[in-house]
Amino acid sequence: MPPNGALNFNDLLEASTKSAVHLEMRDTYGVGDEADDFDHWQRTGERDADPGSTYWTPWVDLISRATARGVRVRRARIVAEPVTDYIRYEHAGTDVNVTAGEDVRWLPRRQAVDLLVPGGDLWIFDGQRVLFNHFTGAGDWAEPGLELRTEPDLVKRCVDAFETVWDRATPHADYKIR
């Protein structure tokens, strides 16, 4: 997550009591904290898939704490097919997300053309707060990178959009990269 003094993703997730859902809609990201791992994967085809590695431990610990409290953590990804190298990289590491306690699904973009979805990636916490993730065109964090919104009608539209994507998407274990 991007540095942002006023908004802290970890605090929002730690405060969640029921659910945290993540909608991803980009086909490539260029965020700095993944750059070394992505470069290594591009060169070697090897992805760090060790939940206990230095790269993954903070995420695995955060998600594991949330799920231990009873928070249901779900992630849906809308992707173009054939997928980009970045999506191949994400897919190669998604078993760690699942091991940590996330439920992950994939929806090919062609199956989403009739859906109305928000204009950018987001997290929804307890169905009450939406945290929009803002990126540059190159996929790095924009400034500011996070925007928290709580207007009930906006939150409901985002929840409804996520649930529609979720219902249509394929579970990670069944999604085959094309």
N, C-alpha and C. Protein backbone atom coordinates (compact mmCIF):
# COMPACT_ATOMS: atom_id res chain seq x y z
N MET A 1 0.86 -1.18 0.00
CA MET A 1 0.00 0.00 0.00
C MET A 1 0.90 1.24 0.00
N PRO A 2 0.38 2.32 -0.54
CA PRO A 2 1.20 3.53 -0.64
C PRO A 2 1.37 4.20 0.71
N PRO A 3 2.45 4.95 0.85
CA PRO A 3 2.57 5.73 2.08
C PRO A 3 1.53 6.85 2.06
N ASN A 4 0.83 7.04 3.14
CA ASN A 4 -0.17 8.09 3.22
C ASN A 4 -0.44 8.32 4.70
N GLY A 5 0.02 9.42 5.22
CA GLY A 5 -0.09 9.69 6.65
C GLY A 5 -1.50 9.68 7.19
N ALA A 6 -2.47 10.21 6.45
CA ALA A 6 -3.83 10.33 6.95
C ALA A 6 -4.59 9.01 6.87
N LEU A 7 -4.28 8.19 5.89
CA LEU A 7 -4.98 6.93 5.70
C LEU A 7 -4.00 5.78 5.83
N ASN A 8 -4.37 4.79 6.60
CA ASN A 8 -3.51 3.64 6.77
C ASN A 8 -4.34 2.39 6.53
N PHE A 9 -4.03 1.67 5.45
CA PHE A 9 -4.77 0.47 5.08
C PHE A 9 -4.78 -0.53 6.24
N ASN A 10 -3.62 -0.76 6.83
CA ASN A 10 -3.54 -1.75 7.92
C ASN A 10 -4.50 -1.42 9.05
N ASP A 11 -4.60 -0.14 9.41
CA ASP A 11 -5.52 0.26 10.48
C ASP A 11 -6.97 -0.01 10.09
N LEU A 12 -7.32 0.26 8.83
CA LEU A 12 -8.68 0.01 8.36
C LEU A 12 -9.01 -1.48 8.40
N LEU A 13 -8.06 -2.31 7.98
CA LEU A 13 -8.30 -3.75 8.02
C LEU A 13 -8.35 -4.24 9.46
N GLU A 14 -7.46 -3.74 10.30
CA GLU A 14 -7.45 -4.16 11.72
C GLU A 14 -8.74 -3.76 12.43
N ALA A 15 -9.38 -2.68 11.98
CA ALA A 15 -10.63 -2.23 12.60
C ALA A 15 -11.85 -2.99 12.07
N SER A 16 -11.68 -3.73 10.99
CA SER A 16 -12.79 -4.46 10.40
C SER A 16 -13.20 -5.61 11.31
N THR A 17 -14.51 -5.87 11.33
CA THR A 17 -15.03 -6.93 12.18
C THR A 17 -15.75 -8.04 11.41
N LYS A 18 -16.17 -7.74 10.16
CA LYS A 18 -16.95 -8.72 9.41
C LYS A 18 -16.35 -9.06 8.06
N SER A 19 -15.99 -8.02 7.29
CA SER A 19 -15.57 -8.28 5.92
C SER A 19 -14.59 -7.24 5.41
N ALA A 20 -13.77 -7.69 4.48
CA ALA A 20 -12.88 -6.81 3.73
C ALA A 20 -12.81 -7.40 2.33
N VAL A 21 -13.25 -6.62 1.35
CA VAL A 21 -13.24 -7.11 -0.02
C VAL A 21 -12.43 -6.17 -0.89
N HIS A 22 -11.75 -6.76 -1.87
CA HIS A 22 -10.84 -6.00 -2.73
C HIS A 22 -11.22 -6.27 -4.18
N LEU A 23 -11.42 -5.20 -4.94
CA LEU A 23 -11.70 -5.31 -6.37
C LEU A 23 -10.52 -4.72 -7.12
N GLU A 24 -9.89 -5.55 -7.97
CA GLU A 24 -8.76 -5.14 -8.79
C GLU A 24 -9.19 -5.19 -10.25
N MET A 25 -8.86 -4.12 -10.99
CA MET A 25 -9.32 -4.07 -12.38
C MET A 25 -8.23 -3.70 -13.38
N ARG A 26 -7.01 -3.52 -12.93
CA ARG A 26 -5.91 -3.18 -13.84
C ARG A 26 -5.25 -4.44 -14.36
N ASP A 27 -4.71 -4.38 -15.56
CA ASP A 27 -3.99 -5.51 -16.12
C ASP A 27 -2.49 -5.42 -15.87
N THR A 28 -2.05 -4.31 -15.34
CA THR A 28 -0.65 -4.17 -14.97
C THR A 28 -0.54 -3.14 -13.84
N TYR A 29 0.38 -3.42 -12.96
CA TYR A 29 0.69 -2.50 -11.87
C TYR A 29 2.19 -2.27 -11.92
N GLY A 30 2.62 -1.13 -11.45
CA GLY A 30 4.04 -0.81 -11.43
C GLY A 30 4.45 -0.24 -10.09
N VAL A 31 3.93 -0.82 -9.02
CA VAL A 31 4.21 -0.29 -7.69
C VAL A 31 5.60 -0.73 -7.22
N GLY A 32 6.28 0.19 -6.58
CA GLY A 32 7.67 -0.01 -6.20
C GLY A 32 7.94 -1.19 -5.30
N ASP A 33 7.02 -1.49 -4.37
CA ASP A 33 7.31 -2.57 -3.43
C ASP A 33 7.24 -3.95 -4.06
N GLU A 34 6.77 -4.04 -5.30
CA GLU A 34 6.75 -5.31 -6.01
C GLU A 34 7.81 -5.38 -7.10
N ALA A 35 8.48 -4.29 -7.37
CA ALA A 35 9.37 -4.20 -8.53
C ALA A 35 10.44 -5.27 -8.55
N ASP A 36 11.15 -5.48 -7.45
CA ASP A 36 12.24 -6.48 -7.43
C ASP A 36 11.70 -7.89 -7.65
N ASP A 37 10.60 -8.21 -6.99
CA ASP A 37 10.02 -9.54 -7.12
C ASP A 37 9.52 -9.76 -8.55
N PHE A 38 8.87 -8.76 -9.13
CA PHE A 38 8.36 -8.87 -10.50
C PHE A 38 9.52 -9.00 -11.49
N ASP A 39 10.55 -8.20 -11.31
CA ASP A 39 11.73 -8.29 -12.20
C ASP A 39 12.35 -9.69 -12.12
N HIS A 40 12.48 -10.22 -10.91
CA HIS A 40 13.03 -11.57 -10.73
C HIS A 40 12.16 -12.60 -11.46
N TRP A 41 10.85 -12.49 -11.30
CA TRP A 41 9.93 -13.41 -11.97
C TRP A 41 10.06 -13.31 -13.49
N GLN A 42 10.16 -12.08 -14.03
CA GLN A 42 10.31 -11.91 -15.47
C GLN A 42 11.60 -12.55 -15.99
N ARG A 43 12.67 -12.44 -15.22
CA ARG A 43 13.96 -13.00 -15.64
C ARG A 43 14.01 -14.51 -15.51
N THR A 44 13.39 -15.05 -14.45
CA THR A 44 13.59 -16.47 -14.13
C THR A 44 12.34 -17.33 -14.23
N GLY A 45 11.16 -16.69 -14.19
CA GLY A 45 9.92 -17.46 -14.14
C GLY A 45 9.63 -17.99 -12.74
N GLU A 46 10.46 -17.61 -11.76
CA GLU A 46 10.28 -18.06 -10.38
C GLU A 46 9.62 -16.95 -9.57
N ARG A 47 8.56 -17.30 -8.89
CA ARG A 47 7.83 -16.34 -8.05
C ARG A 47 8.02 -16.73 -6.59
N ASP A 48 8.27 -15.74 -5.76
CA ASP A 48 8.32 -15.98 -4.33
C ASP A 48 6.92 -16.42 -3.89
N ALA A 49 6.78 -17.68 -3.55
CA ALA A 49 5.49 -18.21 -3.13
C ALA A 49 5.60 -18.81 -1.72
N ASP A 50 6.53 -18.30 -0.96
CA ASP A 50 6.74 -18.76 0.41
C ASP A 50 6.04 -17.80 1.36
N PRO A 51 4.95 -18.24 2.00
CA PRO A 51 4.22 -17.35 2.90
C PRO A 51 5.08 -16.81 4.05
N GLY A 52 6.19 -17.50 4.35
CA GLY A 52 7.07 -17.07 5.43
C GLY A 52 8.24 -16.21 4.98
N SER A 53 8.28 -15.86 3.69
CA SER A 53 9.39 -15.04 3.18
C SER A 53 9.27 -13.60 3.66
N THR A 54 10.37 -12.90 3.59
CA THR A 54 10.39 -11.49 3.97
C THR A 54 9.38 -10.69 3.15
N TYR A 55 9.25 -11.04 1.88
CA TYR A 55 8.31 -10.34 0.99
C TYR A 55 6.86 -10.54 1.44
N TRP A 56 6.47 -11.77 1.77
CA TRP A 56 5.07 -12.08 2.03
C TRP A 56 4.66 -11.99 3.49
N THR A 57 5.56 -12.16 4.44
CA THR A 57 5.18 -12.26 5.85
C THR A 57 4.29 -11.12 6.35
N PRO A 58 4.59 -9.85 6.05
CA PRO A 58 3.69 -8.80 6.57
C PRO A 58 2.25 -8.96 6.09
N TRP A 59 2.07 -9.34 4.83
CA TRP A 59 0.71 -9.51 4.29
C TRP A 59 0.04 -10.73 4.90
N VAL A 60 0.75 -11.83 4.94
CA VAL A 60 0.19 -13.06 5.49
C VAL A 60 -0.21 -12.85 6.96
N ASP A 61 0.62 -12.18 7.72
CA ASP A 61 0.31 -11.92 9.12
C ASP A 61 -0.93 -11.03 9.25
N LEU A 62 -1.01 -9.98 8.44
CA LEU A 62 -2.15 -9.06 8.50
C LEU A 62 -3.45 -9.77 8.16
N ILE A 63 -3.46 -10.54 7.08
CA ILE A 63 -4.67 -11.25 6.67
C ILE A 63 -5.01 -12.35 7.66
N SER A 64 -4.02 -13.06 8.14
CA SER A 64 -4.25 -14.13 9.11
C SER A 64 -4.89 -13.59 10.40
N ARG A 65 -4.41 -12.44 10.85
CA ARG A 65 -5.02 -11.82 12.04
C ARG A 65 -6.48 -11.45 11.77
N ALA A 66 -6.75 -10.91 10.60
CA ALA A 66 -8.13 -10.52 10.27
C ALA A 66 -9.04 -11.74 10.22
N THR A 67 -8.62 -12.78 9.52
CA THR A 67 -9.48 -13.95 9.41
C THR A 67 -9.65 -14.65 10.76
N ALA A 68 -8.62 -14.60 11.60
CA ALA A 68 -8.73 -15.19 12.94
C ALA A 68 -9.79 -14.47 13.78
N ARG A 69 -10.01 -13.18 13.49
CA ARG A 69 -11.06 -12.40 14.18
C ARG A 69 -12.43 -12.65 13.57
N GLY A 70 -12.49 -13.42 12.50
CA GLY A 70 -13.76 -13.70 11.84
C GLY A 70 -14.05 -12.80 10.65
N VAL A 71 -13.07 -12.02 10.21
CA VAL A 71 -13.26 -11.16 9.04
C VAL A 71 -13.14 -12.02 7.79
N ARG A 72 -14.13 -11.94 6.92
CA ARG A 72 -14.07 -12.65 5.64
C ARG A 72 -13.36 -11.74 4.64
N VAL A 73 -12.24 -12.20 4.09
CA VAL A 73 -11.44 -11.41 3.17
C VAL A 73 -11.57 -12.03 1.78
N ARG A 74 -12.08 -11.21 0.84
CA ARG A 74 -12.27 -11.68 -0.53
C ARG A 74 -11.61 -10.70 -1.50
N ARG A 75 -11.10 -11.25 -2.60
CA ARG A 75 -10.43 -10.45 -3.63
C ARG A 75 -10.96 -10.92 -4.98
N ALA A 76 -11.43 -9.98 -5.80
CA ALA A 76 -11.88 -10.29 -7.16
C ALA A 76 -11.03 -9.48 -8.14
N ARG A 77 -10.58 -10.17 -9.18
CA ARG A 77 -9.76 -9.52 -10.21
C ARG A 77 -10.45 -9.63 -11.56
N ILE A 78 -10.67 -8.48 -12.18
CA ILE A 78 -11.17 -8.44 -13.55
C ILE A 78 -9.95 -8.31 -14.45
N VAL A 79 -9.79 -9.25 -15.39
CA VAL A 79 -8.57 -9.28 -16.21
C VAL A 79 -8.90 -9.48 -17.68
N ALA A 80 -8.07 -8.87 -18.53
CA ALA A 80 -8.16 -9.10 -19.97
C ALA A 80 -7.54 -10.45 -20.28
N GLU A 81 -8.04 -11.10 -21.31
CA GLU A 81 -7.45 -12.35 -21.79
C GLU A 81 -7.15 -12.21 -23.27
N PRO A 82 -6.01 -12.71 -23.73
CA PRO A 82 -4.98 -13.33 -22.91
C PRO A 82 -4.42 -12.33 -21.90
N VAL A 83 -3.99 -12.85 -20.77
CA VAL A 83 -3.55 -12.00 -19.67
C VAL A 83 -2.17 -11.40 -19.94
N THR A 84 -1.89 -10.31 -19.25
CA THR A 84 -0.58 -9.66 -19.33
C THR A 84 0.43 -10.45 -18.50
N ASP A 85 1.70 -10.13 -18.71
CA ASP A 85 2.74 -10.75 -17.87
C ASP A 85 2.50 -10.45 -16.40
N TYR A 86 2.05 -9.24 -16.10
CA TYR A 86 1.84 -8.90 -14.69
C TYR A 86 0.75 -9.79 -14.08
N ILE A 87 -0.32 -10.04 -14.81
CA ILE A 87 -1.38 -10.91 -14.29
C ILE A 87 -0.87 -12.34 -14.12
N ARG A 88 -0.02 -12.79 -15.03
CA ARG A 88 0.61 -14.11 -14.86
C ARG A 88 1.41 -14.15 -13.55
N TYR A 89 2.13 -13.07 -13.30
CA TYR A 89 2.91 -12.94 -12.07
C TYR A 89 1.99 -12.96 -10.84
N GLU A 90 0.90 -12.20 -10.90
CA GLU A 90 -0.05 -12.21 -9.78
C GLU A 90 -0.62 -13.60 -9.55
N HIS A 91 -1.02 -14.23 -10.64
CA HIS A 91 -1.60 -15.56 -10.54
C HIS A 91 -0.62 -16.53 -9.89
N ALA A 92 0.65 -16.41 -10.25
CA ALA A 92 1.69 -17.29 -9.71
C ALA A 92 1.87 -17.12 -8.20
N GLY A 93 1.48 -15.98 -7.66
CA GLY A 93 1.62 -15.74 -6.22
C GLY A 93 0.33 -15.83 -5.44
N THR A 94 -0.78 -16.05 -6.12
CA THR A 94 -2.08 -15.99 -5.46
C THR A 94 -2.30 -17.11 -4.45
N ASP A 95 -1.61 -18.24 -4.62
CA ASP A 95 -1.75 -19.29 -3.61
C ASP A 95 -1.35 -18.80 -2.22
N VAL A 96 -0.43 -17.84 -2.16
CA VAL A 96 -0.04 -17.28 -0.86
C VAL A 96 -1.20 -16.47 -0.29
N ASN A 97 -1.90 -15.70 -1.13
CA ASN A 97 -3.08 -14.97 -0.66
C ASN A 97 -4.10 -15.94 -0.06
N VAL A 98 -4.31 -17.05 -0.77
CA VAL A 98 -5.27 -18.06 -0.32
C VAL A 98 -4.79 -18.69 0.99
N THR A 99 -3.52 -19.03 1.08
CA THR A 99 -2.95 -19.61 2.30
C THR A 99 -3.14 -18.66 3.48
N ALA A 100 -3.02 -17.36 3.23
CA ALA A 100 -3.18 -16.37 4.30
C ALA A 100 -4.62 -16.28 4.78
N GLY A 101 -5.58 -16.71 3.94
CA GLY A 101 -6.98 -16.68 4.34
C GLY A 101 -7.89 -15.94 3.38
N GLU A 102 -7.34 -15.41 2.31
CA GLU A 102 -8.18 -14.73 1.33
C GLU A 102 -8.89 -15.75 0.44
N ASP A 103 -10.06 -15.37 0.00
CA ASP A 103 -10.78 -16.11 -1.04
C ASP A 103 -10.61 -15.25 -2.29
N VAL A 104 -10.09 -15.81 -3.37
CA VAL A 104 -9.76 -15.04 -4.57
C VAL A 104 -10.50 -15.61 -5.77
N ARG A 105 -11.05 -14.71 -6.58
CA ARG A 105 -11.71 -15.10 -7.82
C ARG A 105 -11.24 -14.21 -8.96
N TRP A 106 -11.38 -14.74 -10.17
CA TRP A 106 -10.95 -14.08 -11.40
C TRP A 106 -12.12 -13.98 -12.36
N LEU A 107 -12.27 -12.81 -13.00
CA LEU A 107 -13.33 -12.61 -13.99
C LEU A 107 -12.72 -12.06 -15.27
N PRO A 108 -12.78 -12.83 -16.37
CA PRO A 108 -12.30 -12.30 -17.64
C PRO A 108 -13.10 -11.04 -18.01
N ARG A 109 -12.40 -10.03 -18.48
CA ARG A 109 -13.02 -8.75 -18.81
C ARG A 109 -14.18 -8.90 -19.79
N ARG A 110 -14.08 -9.83 -20.73
CA ARG A 110 -15.17 -10.05 -21.70
C ARG A 110 -16.47 -10.46 -21.01
N GLN A 111 -16.35 -11.08 -19.84
CA GLN A 111 -17.54 -11.49 -19.09
C GLN A 111 -18.05 -10.38 -18.17
N ALA A 112 -17.39 -9.25 -18.20
CA ALA A 112 -17.76 -8.13 -17.33
C ALA A 112 -18.27 -6.92 -18.11
N VAL A 113 -18.36 -7.02 -19.43
CA VAL A 113 -18.69 -5.83 -20.24
C VAL A 113 -20.06 -5.26 -19.92
N ASP A 114 -20.98 -6.06 -19.42
CA ASP A 114 -22.32 -5.55 -19.11
C ASP A 114 -22.46 -5.10 -17.66
N LEU A 115 -21.36 -5.13 -16.91
CA LEU A 115 -21.40 -4.74 -15.50
C LEU A 115 -21.03 -3.27 -15.34
N LEU A 116 -21.63 -2.64 -14.37
CA LEU A 116 -21.25 -1.28 -13.99
C LEU A 116 -20.36 -1.39 -12.77
N VAL A 117 -19.08 -1.05 -12.96
CA VAL A 117 -18.11 -1.14 -11.87
C VAL A 117 -17.51 0.23 -11.62
N PRO A 118 -16.98 0.44 -10.41
CA PRO A 118 -16.33 1.72 -10.11
C PRO A 118 -15.16 1.98 -11.06
N GLY A 119 -14.73 3.21 -11.12
CA GLY A 119 -13.67 3.61 -12.04
C GLY A 119 -12.28 3.20 -11.62
N GLY A 120 -12.11 2.63 -10.45
CA GLY A 120 -10.78 2.24 -10.01
C GLY A 120 -10.83 1.15 -8.96
N ASP A 121 -9.68 0.60 -8.67
CA ASP A 121 -9.55 -0.45 -7.65
C ASP A 121 -10.01 0.08 -6.30
N LEU A 122 -10.46 -0.83 -5.46
CA LEU A 122 -10.97 -0.42 -4.15
C LEU A 122 -10.95 -1.55 -3.16
N TRP A 123 -11.03 -1.17 -1.90
CA TRP A 123 -11.29 -2.07 -0.78
C TRP A 123 -12.59 -1.59 -0.14
N ILE A 124 -13.40 -2.53 0.34
CA ILE A 124 -14.61 -2.20 1.10
C ILE A 124 -14.49 -2.89 2.45
N PHE A 125 -14.62 -2.13 3.51
CA PHE A 125 -14.48 -2.66 4.87
C PHE A 125 -15.84 -2.68 5.56
N ASP A 126 -16.26 -3.87 5.99
CA ASP A 126 -17.52 -4.06 6.72
C ASP A 126 -18.72 -3.48 6.00
N GLY A 127 -18.65 -3.35 4.69
CA GLY A 127 -19.77 -2.81 3.92
C GLY A 127 -20.10 -1.37 4.27
N GLN A 128 -19.14 -0.64 4.89
CA GLN A 128 -19.41 0.72 5.35
C GLN A 128 -18.42 1.76 4.88
N ARG A 129 -17.22 1.32 4.52
CA ARG A 129 -16.18 2.26 4.09
C ARG A 129 -15.54 1.73 2.81
N VAL A 130 -15.36 2.62 1.85
CA VAL A 130 -14.69 2.26 0.60
C VAL A 130 -13.37 3.01 0.54
N LEU A 131 -12.31 2.27 0.31
CA LEU A 131 -10.99 2.85 0.15
C LEU A 131 -10.59 2.69 -1.31
N PHE A 132 -10.64 3.80 -2.05
CA PHE A 132 -10.23 3.76 -3.46
C PHE A 132 -8.72 3.82 -3.54
N ASN A 133 -8.16 3.01 -4.43
CA ASN A 133 -6.72 2.99 -4.69
C ASN A 133 -6.49 3.71 -6.01
N HIS A 134 -5.72 4.79 -5.98
CA HIS A 134 -5.46 5.57 -7.19
C HIS A 134 -4.06 5.29 -7.71
N PHE A 135 -3.98 5.04 -9.01
CA PHE A 135 -2.72 4.70 -9.67
C PHE A 135 -2.47 5.65 -10.83
N THR A 136 -1.21 5.78 -11.20
CA THR A 136 -0.84 6.52 -12.40
C THR A 136 -1.13 5.62 -13.61
N GLY A 137 -1.00 6.18 -14.80
CA GLY A 137 -1.18 5.39 -16.00
C GLY A 137 -0.21 4.24 -16.10
N ALA A 138 0.99 4.41 -15.54
CA ALA A 138 2.01 3.35 -15.56
C ALA A 138 1.79 2.32 -14.46
N GLY A 139 0.81 2.54 -13.59
CA GLY A 139 0.49 1.56 -12.57
C GLY A 139 1.13 1.76 -11.21
N ASP A 140 1.85 2.87 -11.04
CA ASP A 140 2.43 3.15 -9.72
C ASP A 140 1.39 3.94 -8.93
N TRP A 141 1.63 4.07 -7.64
CA TRP A 141 0.70 4.83 -6.80
C TRP A 141 0.67 6.29 -7.23
N ALA A 142 -0.53 6.83 -7.37
CA ALA A 142 -0.71 8.26 -7.62
C ALA A 142 -0.61 8.97 -6.27
N GLU A 143 -0.54 10.28 -6.30
CA GLU A 143 -0.47 11.06 -5.06
C GLU A 143 -1.72 11.92 -4.96
N PRO A 144 -2.56 11.82 -3.98
CA PRO A 144 -2.49 10.78 -2.96
C PRO A 144 -3.00 9.45 -3.53
N GLY A 145 -2.52 8.37 -3.01
CA GLY A 145 -2.86 7.05 -3.53
C GLY A 145 -4.14 6.47 -2.98
N LEU A 146 -4.59 6.98 -1.84
CA LEU A 146 -5.78 6.43 -1.20
C LEU A 146 -6.83 7.50 -0.98
N GLU A 147 -8.09 7.10 -1.12
CA GLU A 147 -9.21 8.01 -0.87
C GLU A 147 -10.30 7.21 -0.15
N LEU A 148 -10.61 7.59 1.07
CA LEU A 148 -11.63 6.92 1.87
C LEU A 148 -12.96 7.64 1.71
N ARG A 149 -14.00 6.85 1.40
CA ARG A 149 -15.35 7.41 1.23
C ARG A 149 -16.33 6.59 2.06
N THR A 150 -17.31 7.28 2.63
CA THR A 150 -18.27 6.61 3.50
C THR A 150 -19.73 6.94 3.19
N GLU A 151 -19.98 7.69 2.12
CA GLU A 151 -21.37 8.03 1.79
C GLU A 151 -22.15 6.74 1.53
N PRO A 152 -23.25 6.55 2.24
CA PRO A 152 -23.98 5.28 2.15
C PRO A 152 -24.37 4.87 0.73
N ASP A 153 -24.82 5.81 -0.10
CA ASP A 153 -25.23 5.42 -1.46
C ASP A 153 -24.03 5.00 -2.30
N LEU A 154 -22.89 5.66 -2.15
CA LEU A 154 -21.68 5.27 -2.87
C LEU A 154 -21.19 3.90 -2.39
N VAL A 155 -21.17 3.71 -1.08
CA VAL A 155 -20.74 2.43 -0.53
C VAL A 155 -21.62 1.31 -1.05
N LYS A 156 -22.93 1.52 -1.06
CA LYS A 156 -23.86 0.49 -1.54
C LYS A 156 -23.60 0.15 -3.00
N ARG A 157 -23.38 1.16 -3.83
CA ARG A 157 -23.10 0.90 -5.25
C ARG A 157 -21.82 0.08 -5.41
N CYS A 158 -20.82 0.39 -4.61
CA CYS A 158 -19.55 -0.36 -4.68
C CYS A 158 -19.73 -1.79 -4.18
N VAL A 159 -20.47 -1.96 -3.08
CA VAL A 159 -20.75 -3.30 -2.57
C VAL A 159 -21.50 -4.11 -3.62
N ASP A 160 -22.53 -3.51 -4.22
CA ASP A 160 -23.31 -4.21 -5.23
C ASP A 160 -22.45 -4.59 -6.43
N ALA A 161 -21.59 -3.69 -6.86
CA ALA A 161 -20.70 -3.97 -7.99
C ALA A 161 -19.77 -5.13 -7.65
N PHE A 162 -19.17 -5.08 -6.46
CA PHE A 162 -18.28 -6.17 -6.07
C PHE A 162 -19.02 -7.50 -6.05
N GLU A 163 -20.19 -7.53 -5.43
CA GLU A 163 -20.93 -8.80 -5.31
C GLU A 163 -21.32 -9.35 -6.67
N THR A 164 -21.65 -8.48 -7.62
CA THR A 164 -21.98 -8.93 -8.97
C THR A 164 -20.75 -9.54 -9.64
N VAL A 165 -19.61 -8.88 -9.50
CA VAL A 165 -18.37 -9.44 -10.04
C VAL A 165 -18.09 -10.77 -9.36
N TRP A 166 -18.18 -10.81 -8.06
CA TRP A 166 -17.87 -12.01 -7.28
C TRP A 166 -18.73 -13.20 -7.73
N ASP A 167 -20.02 -12.96 -7.89
CA ASP A 167 -20.92 -14.04 -8.27
C ASP A 167 -20.60 -14.60 -9.65
N ARG A 168 -20.06 -13.79 -10.51
CA ARG A 168 -19.76 -14.19 -11.89
C ARG A 168 -18.35 -14.76 -12.04
N ALA A 169 -17.47 -14.47 -11.12
CA ALA A 169 -16.06 -14.81 -11.25
C ALA A 169 -15.78 -16.28 -10.93
N THR A 170 -14.61 -16.72 -11.38
CA THR A 170 -14.15 -18.10 -11.21
C THR A 170 -13.21 -18.19 -10.01
N PRO A 171 -13.44 -19.15 -9.11
CA PRO A 171 -12.52 -19.32 -7.98
C PRO A 171 -11.08 -19.55 -8.46
N HIS A 172 -10.14 -19.07 -7.68
CA HIS A 172 -8.73 -19.17 -8.06
C HIS A 172 -8.32 -20.60 -8.44
N ALA A 173 -8.72 -21.57 -7.67
CA ALA A 173 -8.33 -22.96 -7.93
C ALA A 173 -8.80 -23.45 -9.30
N ASP A 174 -9.84 -22.84 -9.81
CA ASP A 174 -10.40 -23.28 -11.11
C ASP A 174 -10.02 -22.37 -12.28
N TYR A 175 -9.43 -21.22 -12.00
CA TYR A 175 -9.11 -20.27 -13.08
C TYR A 175 -7.79 -20.66 -13.74
N LYS A 176 -7.87 -20.88 -15.03
CA LYS A 176 -6.68 -21.23 -15.80
C LYS A 176 -6.25 -20.02 -16.64
N ILE A 177 -4.98 -19.69 -16.53
CA ILE A 177 -4.41 -18.56 -17.27
C ILE A 177 -4.46 -18.84 -18.76
N ARG A 178 -4.89 -17.82 -19.52
CA ARG A 178 -4.91 -17.91 -20.99
C ARG A 178 -4.07 -16.80 -21.55
